[in-house]
Amino acid sequence: MHTDDIFMTFWRIINWAGERNRTAKSYGTDVKLYITEIHTIAIIGENSGILQRELCEAMGITKGRVSIIISNLVKKGLVIKMSDSNNGKELPLRLSDLGEIAFENHTRQEQERNSKINKLLSTLNQDELNKFNDILAGVLKILNE
């Protein structure tokens, strides 16, 4: 195998991820969601009552960006801002029934994908897994420079 083949596979993965970010998808509801929206739903689903500030930290994005995402998810009927906040400034977030459906379907899809990837990775021994992870971490470092 040539390094050119590895680069092509790597760039195909990058392109797949880019396309996935630009395409809205249904998760068992009639509501189309972008990847950032479904990941926001996943975090809220795993942490019902999470505050927007905590969501920013969990997602690693700005408060302004999270505010826009939450606003869109509230309009789509997937997220509810609870009214019984203790601090009076931030309202805890939870999923609506529709949001729960999307969350459950997304979780199932992720588990199926992860299971397939784990099966593929199980063909490697621990040293090979460590080397693979080191290579991925090195590529990420280069991309972040």
N, C-alpha and C. Protein backbone atom coordinates (compact mmCIF):
# COMPACT_ATOMS: atom_id res chain seq x y z
N MET A 1 0.85 -1.17 0.00
CA MET A 1 0.00 0.00 0.00
C MET A 1 0.89 1.23 0.00
N HIS A 2 0.49 2.23 -0.75
CA HIS A 2 1.23 3.48 -0.84
C HIS A 2 0.62 4.52 0.09
N THR A 3 1.43 5.49 0.51
CA THR A 3 0.90 6.55 1.37
C THR A 3 -0.17 7.35 0.65
N ASP A 4 -0.11 7.42 -0.67
CA ASP A 4 -1.17 8.10 -1.44
C ASP A 4 -2.53 7.45 -1.20
N ASP A 5 -2.55 6.13 -1.10
CA ASP A 5 -3.81 5.41 -0.83
C ASP A 5 -4.35 5.77 0.56
N ILE A 6 -3.44 5.89 1.52
CA ILE A 6 -3.85 6.25 2.88
C ILE A 6 -4.40 7.67 2.89
N PHE A 7 -3.72 8.59 2.21
CA PHE A 7 -4.21 9.97 2.13
C PHE A 7 -5.60 10.02 1.49
N MET A 8 -5.81 9.27 0.43
CA MET A 8 -7.12 9.27 -0.23
C MET A 8 -8.21 8.75 0.70
N THR A 9 -7.93 7.69 1.43
CA THR A 9 -8.91 7.16 2.39
C THR A 9 -9.19 8.18 3.48
N PHE A 10 -8.12 8.81 3.98
CA PHE A 10 -8.28 9.82 5.02
C PHE A 10 -9.15 10.97 4.53
N TRP A 11 -8.89 11.48 3.32
CA TRP A 11 -9.66 12.60 2.79
C TRP A 11 -11.10 12.21 2.48
N ARG A 12 -11.32 10.95 2.14
CA ARG A 12 -12.70 10.49 1.95
C ARG A 12 -13.46 10.51 3.28
N ILE A 13 -12.77 10.15 4.36
CA ILE A 13 -13.40 10.22 5.70
C ILE A 13 -13.70 11.67 6.05
N ILE A 14 -12.75 12.56 5.81
CA ILE A 14 -12.96 13.99 6.08
C ILE A 14 -14.14 14.51 5.26
N ASN A 15 -14.20 14.16 3.99
CA ASN A 15 -15.31 14.61 3.12
C ASN A 15 -16.64 14.04 3.59
N TRP A 16 -16.65 12.78 4.02
CA TRP A 16 -17.87 12.17 4.54
C TRP A 16 -18.36 12.97 5.75
N ALA A 17 -17.44 13.30 6.66
CA ALA A 17 -17.82 14.05 7.86
C ALA A 17 -18.34 15.44 7.48
N GLY A 18 -17.70 16.08 6.51
CA GLY A 18 -18.17 17.39 6.07
C GLY A 18 -19.56 17.34 5.48
N GLU A 19 -19.81 16.35 4.66
CA GLU A 19 -21.15 16.18 4.07
C GLU A 19 -22.18 15.89 5.16
N ARG A 20 -21.80 15.08 6.12
CA ARG A 20 -22.71 14.74 7.21
C ARG A 20 -23.09 15.99 8.00
N ASN A 21 -22.16 16.92 8.14
CA ASN A 21 -22.44 18.16 8.87
C ASN A 21 -23.36 19.09 8.10
N ARG A 22 -23.39 18.97 6.77
CA ARG A 22 -24.20 19.88 5.95
C ARG A 22 -25.58 19.32 5.60
N THR A 23 -25.82 18.08 5.92
CA THR A 23 -27.06 17.42 5.52
C THR A 23 -27.95 17.15 6.73
N ALA A 24 -29.18 17.63 6.67
CA ALA A 24 -30.14 17.36 7.74
C ALA A 24 -30.72 15.97 7.56
N LYS A 25 -31.00 15.31 8.66
CA LYS A 25 -31.46 13.92 8.63
C LYS A 25 -32.58 13.74 9.65
N SER A 26 -33.48 12.84 9.35
CA SER A 26 -34.56 12.51 10.27
C SER A 26 -34.10 11.39 11.21
N TYR A 27 -34.47 11.48 12.45
CA TYR A 27 -34.13 10.46 13.44
C TYR A 27 -35.41 9.88 14.03
N GLY A 28 -36.25 9.32 13.15
CA GLY A 28 -37.48 8.71 13.59
C GLY A 28 -38.63 9.68 13.79
N THR A 29 -38.44 10.92 13.36
CA THR A 29 -39.49 11.94 13.43
C THR A 29 -39.57 12.61 12.06
N ASP A 30 -40.53 13.48 11.89
CA ASP A 30 -40.63 14.24 10.64
C ASP A 30 -39.70 15.45 10.63
N VAL A 31 -39.02 15.69 11.75
CA VAL A 31 -38.16 16.86 11.89
C VAL A 31 -36.75 16.52 11.41
N LYS A 32 -36.24 17.31 10.47
CA LYS A 32 -34.88 17.13 9.97
C LYS A 32 -33.91 17.85 10.90
N LEU A 33 -32.82 17.17 11.24
CA LEU A 33 -31.84 17.72 12.17
C LEU A 33 -30.44 17.64 11.58
N TYR A 34 -29.67 18.70 11.82
CA TYR A 34 -28.26 18.69 11.46
C TYR A 34 -27.48 18.00 12.56
N ILE A 35 -26.27 17.58 12.25
CA ILE A 35 -25.48 16.80 13.19
C ILE A 35 -25.26 17.54 14.50
N THR A 36 -25.03 18.85 14.46
CA THR A 36 -24.84 19.61 15.69
C THR A 36 -26.11 19.60 16.52
N GLU A 37 -27.26 19.65 15.86
CA GLU A 37 -28.53 19.62 16.59
C GLU A 37 -28.75 18.28 17.27
N ILE A 38 -28.49 17.17 16.56
CA ILE A 38 -28.72 15.86 17.17
C ILE A 38 -27.71 15.59 18.27
N HIS A 39 -26.50 16.11 18.13
CA HIS A 39 -25.53 15.94 19.22
C HIS A 39 -25.91 16.78 20.43
N THR A 40 -26.52 17.92 20.20
CA THR A 40 -27.04 18.73 21.31
C THR A 40 -28.16 17.97 22.00
N ILE A 41 -29.05 17.39 21.22
CA ILE A 41 -30.14 16.58 21.77
C ILE A 41 -29.57 15.41 22.58
N ALA A 42 -28.51 14.79 22.08
CA ALA A 42 -27.90 13.66 22.79
C ALA A 42 -27.36 14.10 24.15
N ILE A 43 -26.70 15.24 24.21
CA ILE A 43 -26.15 15.72 25.48
C ILE A 43 -27.29 16.06 26.45
N ILE A 44 -28.32 16.72 25.96
CA ILE A 44 -29.47 17.04 26.82
C ILE A 44 -30.16 15.75 27.28
N GLY A 45 -30.30 14.79 26.36
CA GLY A 45 -30.93 13.52 26.70
C GLY A 45 -30.18 12.76 27.78
N GLU A 46 -28.86 12.88 27.76
CA GLU A 46 -28.03 12.21 28.77
C GLU A 46 -27.92 13.02 30.05
N ASN A 47 -28.30 14.31 30.00
CA ASN A 47 -28.14 15.22 31.14
C ASN A 47 -29.36 16.11 31.28
N SER A 48 -30.53 15.51 31.49
CA SER A 48 -31.75 16.30 31.60
C SER A 48 -31.61 17.33 32.71
N GLY A 49 -31.99 18.56 32.41
CA GLY A 49 -31.86 19.64 33.37
C GLY A 49 -30.56 20.42 33.22
N ILE A 50 -29.78 20.07 32.20
CA ILE A 50 -28.51 20.75 31.95
C ILE A 50 -28.77 22.23 31.65
N LEU A 51 -27.88 23.08 32.11
CA LEU A 51 -27.97 24.50 31.82
C LEU A 51 -27.21 24.81 30.53
N GLN A 52 -27.59 25.89 29.89
CA GLN A 52 -26.97 26.28 28.63
C GLN A 52 -25.46 26.46 28.80
N ARG A 53 -25.03 27.03 29.90
CA ARG A 53 -23.61 27.23 30.18
C ARG A 53 -22.88 25.88 30.22
N GLU A 54 -23.50 24.89 30.85
CA GLU A 54 -22.92 23.55 30.93
C GLU A 54 -22.89 22.89 29.56
N LEU A 55 -23.90 23.17 28.76
CA LEU A 55 -23.95 22.65 27.40
C LEU A 55 -22.80 23.21 26.57
N CYS A 56 -22.50 24.49 26.74
CA CYS A 56 -21.37 25.13 26.05
C CYS A 56 -20.08 24.39 26.37
N GLU A 57 -19.88 24.11 27.64
CA GLU A 57 -18.67 23.41 28.08
C GLU A 57 -18.61 22.01 27.50
N ALA A 58 -19.73 21.30 27.51
CA ALA A 58 -19.77 19.93 27.02
C ALA A 58 -19.50 19.87 25.51
N MET A 59 -19.99 20.86 24.78
CA MET A 59 -19.86 20.85 23.32
C MET A 59 -18.60 21.55 22.84
N GLY A 60 -18.03 22.38 23.69
CA GLY A 60 -16.84 23.12 23.28
C GLY A 60 -17.12 24.22 22.28
N ILE A 61 -18.31 24.82 22.36
CA ILE A 61 -18.66 25.92 21.47
C ILE A 61 -19.16 27.11 22.28
N THR A 62 -19.29 28.25 21.63
CA THR A 62 -19.64 29.48 22.33
C THR A 62 -21.08 29.48 22.81
N LYS A 63 -21.34 30.33 23.80
CA LYS A 63 -22.69 30.49 24.33
C LYS A 63 -23.64 30.99 23.25
N GLY A 64 -23.17 31.89 22.40
CA GLY A 64 -23.99 32.40 21.31
C GLY A 64 -24.41 31.31 20.35
N ARG A 65 -23.48 30.42 20.00
CA ARG A 65 -23.78 29.31 19.08
C ARG A 65 -24.78 28.35 19.73
N VAL A 66 -24.54 28.03 21.00
CA VAL A 66 -25.46 27.13 21.70
C VAL A 66 -26.84 27.75 21.79
N SER A 67 -26.90 29.06 22.03
CA SER A 67 -28.17 29.76 22.13
C SER A 67 -28.97 29.62 20.83
N ILE A 68 -28.29 29.76 19.70
CA ILE A 68 -28.95 29.61 18.40
C ILE A 68 -29.46 28.18 18.21
N ILE A 69 -28.63 27.21 18.54
CA ILE A 69 -29.02 25.80 18.39
C ILE A 69 -30.23 25.50 19.26
N ILE A 70 -30.19 25.93 20.53
CA ILE A 70 -31.31 25.68 21.45
C ILE A 70 -32.57 26.35 20.94
N SER A 71 -32.45 27.58 20.49
CA SER A 71 -33.61 28.30 19.95
C SER A 71 -34.25 27.52 18.80
N ASN A 72 -33.42 27.00 17.90
CA ASN A 72 -33.93 26.22 16.77
C ASN A 72 -34.60 24.93 17.25
N LEU A 73 -34.00 24.27 18.24
CA LEU A 73 -34.56 23.01 18.74
C LEU A 73 -35.86 23.24 19.50
N VAL A 74 -35.98 24.37 20.19
CA VAL A 74 -37.24 24.73 20.86
C VAL A 74 -38.31 24.97 19.80
N LYS A 75 -37.98 25.72 18.74
CA LYS A 75 -38.94 25.99 17.66
C LYS A 75 -39.38 24.71 16.97
N LYS A 76 -38.47 23.75 16.86
CA LYS A 76 -38.80 22.47 16.21
C LYS A 76 -39.56 21.54 17.15
N GLY A 77 -39.72 21.94 18.41
CA GLY A 77 -40.49 21.15 19.37
C GLY A 77 -39.74 19.99 19.98
N LEU A 78 -38.40 20.04 19.98
CA LEU A 78 -37.59 18.93 20.48
C LEU A 78 -37.01 19.18 21.87
N VAL A 79 -36.83 20.43 22.22
CA VAL A 79 -36.25 20.81 23.50
C VAL A 79 -37.19 21.75 24.23
N ILE A 80 -37.25 21.60 25.54
CA ILE A 80 -38.09 22.44 26.38
C ILE A 80 -37.19 23.12 27.40
N LYS A 81 -37.39 24.44 27.55
CA LYS A 81 -36.73 25.18 28.62
C LYS A 81 -37.63 25.09 29.84
N MET A 82 -37.14 24.44 30.89
CA MET A 82 -37.95 24.25 32.09
C MET A 82 -38.04 25.58 32.85
N SER A 83 -39.15 25.81 33.49
CA SER A 83 -39.39 27.10 34.13
C SER A 83 -38.98 27.16 35.59
N ASP A 84 -38.56 26.05 36.17
CA ASP A 84 -38.25 26.03 37.60
C ASP A 84 -36.75 26.15 37.88
N SER A 85 -36.12 27.13 37.28
CA SER A 85 -34.70 27.35 37.49
C SER A 85 -34.43 27.98 38.85
N ASN A 86 -33.38 27.54 39.49
CA ASN A 86 -33.01 28.10 40.80
C ASN A 86 -32.28 29.42 40.67
N ASN A 87 -31.54 29.62 39.59
CA ASN A 87 -30.73 30.82 39.50
C ASN A 87 -31.44 31.99 38.83
N GLY A 88 -32.59 31.77 38.26
CA GLY A 88 -33.39 32.85 37.68
C GLY A 88 -32.88 33.38 36.35
N LYS A 89 -31.68 33.03 35.96
CA LYS A 89 -31.12 33.53 34.70
C LYS A 89 -31.14 32.46 33.62
N GLU A 90 -30.70 31.27 33.97
CA GLU A 90 -30.65 30.18 33.01
C GLU A 90 -31.75 29.18 33.30
N LEU A 91 -32.39 28.73 32.26
CA LEU A 91 -33.44 27.73 32.41
C LEU A 91 -32.88 26.36 32.08
N PRO A 92 -33.08 25.39 32.96
CA PRO A 92 -32.64 24.03 32.65
C PRO A 92 -33.35 23.51 31.39
N LEU A 93 -32.66 22.66 30.66
CA LEU A 93 -33.17 22.13 29.41
C LEU A 93 -33.52 20.65 29.56
N ARG A 94 -34.57 20.26 28.88
CA ARG A 94 -34.92 18.84 28.81
C ARG A 94 -35.50 18.57 27.43
N LEU A 95 -35.61 17.31 27.08
CA LEU A 95 -36.18 16.93 25.80
C LEU A 95 -37.69 16.80 25.89
N SER A 96 -38.36 17.18 24.81
CA SER A 96 -39.80 16.92 24.69
C SER A 96 -39.97 15.45 24.32
N ASP A 97 -41.20 15.00 24.23
CA ASP A 97 -41.45 13.61 23.79
C ASP A 97 -40.86 13.37 22.41
N LEU A 98 -41.00 14.35 21.52
CA LEU A 98 -40.44 14.24 20.17
C LEU A 98 -38.91 14.21 20.23
N GLY A 99 -38.34 15.02 21.11
CA GLY A 99 -36.89 15.02 21.30
C GLY A 99 -36.40 13.68 21.82
N GLU A 100 -37.17 13.06 22.71
CA GLU A 100 -36.81 11.74 23.24
C GLU A 100 -36.77 10.69 22.13
N ILE A 101 -37.71 10.77 21.19
CA ILE A 101 -37.73 9.83 20.07
C ILE A 101 -36.47 10.00 19.23
N ALA A 102 -36.13 11.24 18.90
CA ALA A 102 -34.93 11.51 18.11
C ALA A 102 -33.69 11.03 18.87
N PHE A 103 -33.64 11.31 20.17
CA PHE A 103 -32.51 10.90 21.01
C PHE A 103 -32.35 9.39 21.01
N GLU A 104 -33.43 8.66 21.22
CA GLU A 104 -33.37 7.20 21.27
C GLU A 104 -32.94 6.62 19.93
N ASN A 105 -33.47 7.15 18.83
CA ASN A 105 -33.09 6.65 17.51
C ASN A 105 -31.64 6.97 17.18
N HIS A 106 -31.20 8.17 17.53
CA HIS A 106 -29.80 8.54 17.31
C HIS A 106 -28.88 7.64 18.13
N THR A 107 -29.23 7.41 19.39
CA THR A 107 -28.42 6.56 20.26
C THR A 107 -28.30 5.16 19.68
N ARG A 108 -29.40 4.62 19.20
CA ARG A 108 -29.38 3.28 18.60
C ARG A 108 -28.48 3.25 17.37
N GLN A 109 -28.60 4.27 16.50
CA GLN A 109 -27.77 4.33 15.30
C GLN A 109 -26.29 4.43 15.65
N GLU A 110 -25.97 5.26 16.65
CA GLU A 110 -24.57 5.41 17.08
C GLU A 110 -24.03 4.10 17.65
N GLN A 111 -24.86 3.40 18.43
CA GLN A 111 -24.43 2.13 19.01
C GLN A 111 -24.16 1.10 17.92
N GLU A 112 -25.01 1.08 16.89
CA GLU A 112 -24.80 0.15 15.78
C GLU A 112 -23.51 0.48 15.03
N ARG A 113 -23.27 1.76 14.77
CA ARG A 113 -22.05 2.18 14.06
C ARG A 113 -20.82 1.85 14.91
N ASN A 114 -20.89 2.20 16.20
CA ASN A 114 -19.76 1.95 17.09
C ASN A 114 -19.46 0.46 17.22
N SER A 115 -20.50 -0.35 17.21
CA SER A 115 -20.32 -1.80 17.28
C SER A 115 -19.54 -2.30 16.07
N LYS A 116 -19.87 -1.79 14.90
CA LYS A 116 -19.16 -2.19 13.67
C LYS A 116 -17.70 -1.73 13.71
N ILE A 117 -17.48 -0.52 14.20
CA ILE A 117 -16.10 -0.01 14.29
C ILE A 117 -15.32 -0.81 15.32
N ASN A 118 -15.95 -1.11 16.46
CA ASN A 118 -15.27 -1.92 17.48
C ASN A 118 -14.93 -3.31 16.97
N LYS A 119 -15.81 -3.88 16.16
CA LYS A 119 -15.53 -5.19 15.57
C LYS A 119 -14.31 -5.10 14.66
N LEU A 120 -14.23 -4.04 13.88
CA LEU A 120 -13.08 -3.83 13.01
C LEU A 120 -11.80 -3.63 13.85
N LEU A 121 -11.89 -2.83 14.90
CA LEU A 121 -10.72 -2.57 15.74
C LEU A 121 -10.30 -3.79 16.55
N SER A 122 -11.22 -4.71 16.79
CA SER A 122 -10.89 -5.91 17.57
C SER A 122 -9.92 -6.82 16.83
N THR A 123 -9.68 -6.57 15.55
CA THR A 123 -8.72 -7.37 14.79
C THR A 123 -7.28 -6.93 15.09
N LEU A 124 -7.11 -5.82 15.82
CA LEU A 124 -5.79 -5.31 16.15
C LEU A 124 -5.41 -5.71 17.57
N ASN A 125 -4.11 -5.94 17.80
CA ASN A 125 -3.66 -6.17 19.16
C ASN A 125 -3.45 -4.83 19.85
N GLN A 126 -3.13 -4.85 21.15
CA GLN A 126 -3.03 -3.61 21.92
C GLN A 126 -1.94 -2.68 21.38
N ASP A 127 -0.81 -3.22 20.97
CA ASP A 127 0.25 -2.38 20.40
C ASP A 127 -0.21 -1.71 19.11
N GLU A 128 -0.92 -2.45 18.28
CA GLU A 128 -1.43 -1.88 17.03
C GLU A 128 -2.48 -0.81 17.30
N LEU A 129 -3.34 -1.06 18.29
CA LEU A 129 -4.34 -0.06 18.67
C LEU A 129 -3.66 1.22 19.18
N ASN A 130 -2.64 1.06 20.00
CA ASN A 130 -1.91 2.22 20.51
C ASN A 130 -1.26 3.00 19.37
N LYS A 131 -0.66 2.29 18.44
CA LYS A 131 -0.01 2.95 17.30
C LYS A 131 -1.04 3.67 16.44
N PHE A 132 -2.17 3.02 16.18
CA PHE A 132 -3.24 3.63 15.39
C PHE A 132 -3.73 4.91 16.07
N ASN A 133 -3.95 4.85 17.37
CA ASN A 133 -4.39 6.02 18.11
C ASN A 133 -3.34 7.13 18.07
N ASP A 134 -2.08 6.76 18.20
CA ASP A 134 -1.00 7.75 18.13
C ASP A 134 -0.98 8.44 16.77
N ILE A 135 -1.19 7.67 15.72
CA ILE A 135 -1.22 8.24 14.36
C ILE A 135 -2.39 9.20 14.21
N LEU A 136 -3.57 8.78 14.66
CA LEU A 136 -4.74 9.66 14.59
C LEU A 136 -4.52 10.94 15.39
N ALA A 137 -3.95 10.82 16.58
CA ALA A 137 -3.67 11.99 17.41
C ALA A 137 -2.66 12.90 16.73
N GLY A 138 -1.67 12.32 16.07
CA GLY A 138 -0.68 13.10 15.34
C GLY A 138 -1.30 13.84 14.17
N VAL A 139 -2.17 13.18 13.43
CA VAL A 139 -2.86 13.83 12.31
C VAL A 139 -3.71 14.99 12.83
N LEU A 140 -4.43 14.77 13.91
CA LEU A 140 -5.26 15.83 14.50
C LEU A 140 -4.40 17.01 14.93
N LYS A 141 -3.26 16.74 15.51
CA LYS A 141 -2.35 17.82 15.92
C LYS A 141 -1.91 18.64 14.70
N ILE A 142 -1.57 17.97 13.62
CA ILE A 142 -1.15 18.65 12.39
C ILE A 142 -2.30 19.50 11.85
N LEU A 143 -3.51 18.96 11.85
CA LEU A 143 -4.66 19.68 11.34
C LEU A 143 -4.98 20.92 12.19
N ASN A 144 -4.69 20.84 13.48
CA ASN A 144 -4.97 21.97 14.38
C ASN A 144 -3.88 23.05 14.37
N GLU A 145 -2.77 22.78 13.72
CA GLU A 145 -1.68 23.76 13.67
C GLU A 145 -1.99 24.90 12.73
